[in-house]
Amino acid sequence: MQLAELTGRRAENVLGVQRQDEGWNVTLELLELQRVPTSTDLMGCYVVSLDRDGELVAYERKRRYQRGQAEDRE
């Protein structure tokens, strides 16, 4: 995937997919820093914008957290 090439990080999970007028927004969870034990890994939540052909248009990290950390509701 293009995001892995740009960031050097691998995607762990797809958290959501949303259709847009000109393509798609995909929310992904990426492993940012691997630690021992793995429950302390540092994760990043990214939103990736793809055009109609599936090409990366933009991406943004929305938050950073430890693996397994409960999400804070705002």
Protein backbone atom coordinates (compact mmCIF):
# COMPACT_ATOMS: atom_id res chain seq x y z
CA MET A 1 0.00 0.00 0.00
CA GLN A 2 1.17 3.54 -0.74
CA LEU A 3 0.83 4.65 2.89
CA ALA A 4 3.28 1.96 4.05
CA GLU A 5 5.76 3.14 1.41
CA LEU A 6 5.43 6.76 2.56
CA THR A 7 5.53 6.16 6.31
CA GLY A 8 7.66 3.00 6.52
CA ARG A 9 4.98 1.55 8.83
CA ARG A 10 2.67 -1.40 8.29
CA ALA A 11 -1.10 -1.27 8.64
CA GLU A 12 -2.50 -3.43 11.43
CA ASN A 13 -6.25 -2.93 10.95
CA VAL A 14 -8.83 -1.22 8.79
CA LEU A 15 -11.06 0.72 11.18
CA GLY A 16 -13.46 2.21 8.66
CA VAL A 17 -14.26 2.98 5.03
CA GLN A 18 -16.34 5.93 3.87
CA ARG A 19 -17.42 6.76 0.31
CA GLN A 20 -16.78 10.35 -0.78
CA ASP A 21 -17.82 12.26 -3.92
CA GLU A 22 -14.41 11.87 -5.53
CA GLY A 23 -13.25 8.58 -3.96
CA TRP A 24 -12.88 7.04 -0.51
CA ASN A 25 -11.67 7.82 3.01
CA VAL A 26 -10.14 4.82 4.75
CA THR A 27 -9.28 4.85 8.46
CA LEU A 28 -6.31 2.63 9.31
CA GLU A 29 -4.43 1.64 12.44
CA LEU A 30 -0.65 1.54 11.92
CA LEU A 31 2.06 0.16 14.15
CA GLU A 32 4.34 3.16 14.84
CA LEU A 33 6.70 1.70 17.46
CA GLN A 34 7.01 -1.97 18.35
CA ARG A 35 7.77 -2.69 22.02
CA VAL A 36 8.02 -5.62 24.40
CA PRO A 37 5.49 -6.56 25.59
CA THR A 38 3.33 -5.91 22.53
CA SER A 39 0.58 -4.46 24.71
CA THR A 40 2.79 -1.36 25.01
CA ASP A 41 3.24 -0.91 21.22
CA LEU A 42 2.63 2.64 19.99
CA MET A 43 -0.18 2.81 17.41
CA GLY A 44 -1.37 5.56 15.07
CA CYS A 45 -4.84 6.11 13.64
CA TYR A 46 -4.64 7.49 10.08
CA VAL A 47 -7.29 8.69 7.63
CA VAL A 48 -6.27 8.06 4.03
CA SER A 49 -8.03 9.77 1.11
CA LEU A 50 -8.10 7.80 -2.15
CA ASP A 51 -9.32 8.94 -5.55
CA ARG A 52 -11.75 6.91 -7.67
CA ASP A 53 -8.84 4.84 -9.03
CA GLY A 54 -7.63 3.96 -5.53
CA GLU A 55 -4.61 6.25 -5.70
CA LEU A 56 -3.51 8.02 -2.53
CA VAL A 57 -4.46 11.71 -2.53
CA ALA A 58 -3.77 12.61 1.12
CA TYR A 59 -3.28 11.13 4.57
CA GLU A 60 -3.37 12.46 8.11
CA ARG A 61 -2.59 10.95 11.51
CA LYS A 62 -5.60 11.60 13.74
CA ARG A 63 -4.26 10.21 17.00
CA ARG A 64 -1.48 8.22 18.64
CA TYR A 65 -1.96 5.76 21.50
CA GLN A 66 -0.74 2.59 23.19
CA ARG A 67 -2.13 -0.67 21.79
CA GLY A 68 -5.24 -1.70 23.71
CA GLN A 69 -5.81 1.79 25.15
CA ALA A 70 -9.48 2.68 25.43
CA GLU A 71 -10.56 5.56 23.20
CA ASP A 72 -11.32 8.83 24.98
CA ARG A 73 -14.71 10.21 23.93
CA GLU A 74 -14.79 13.97 23.45
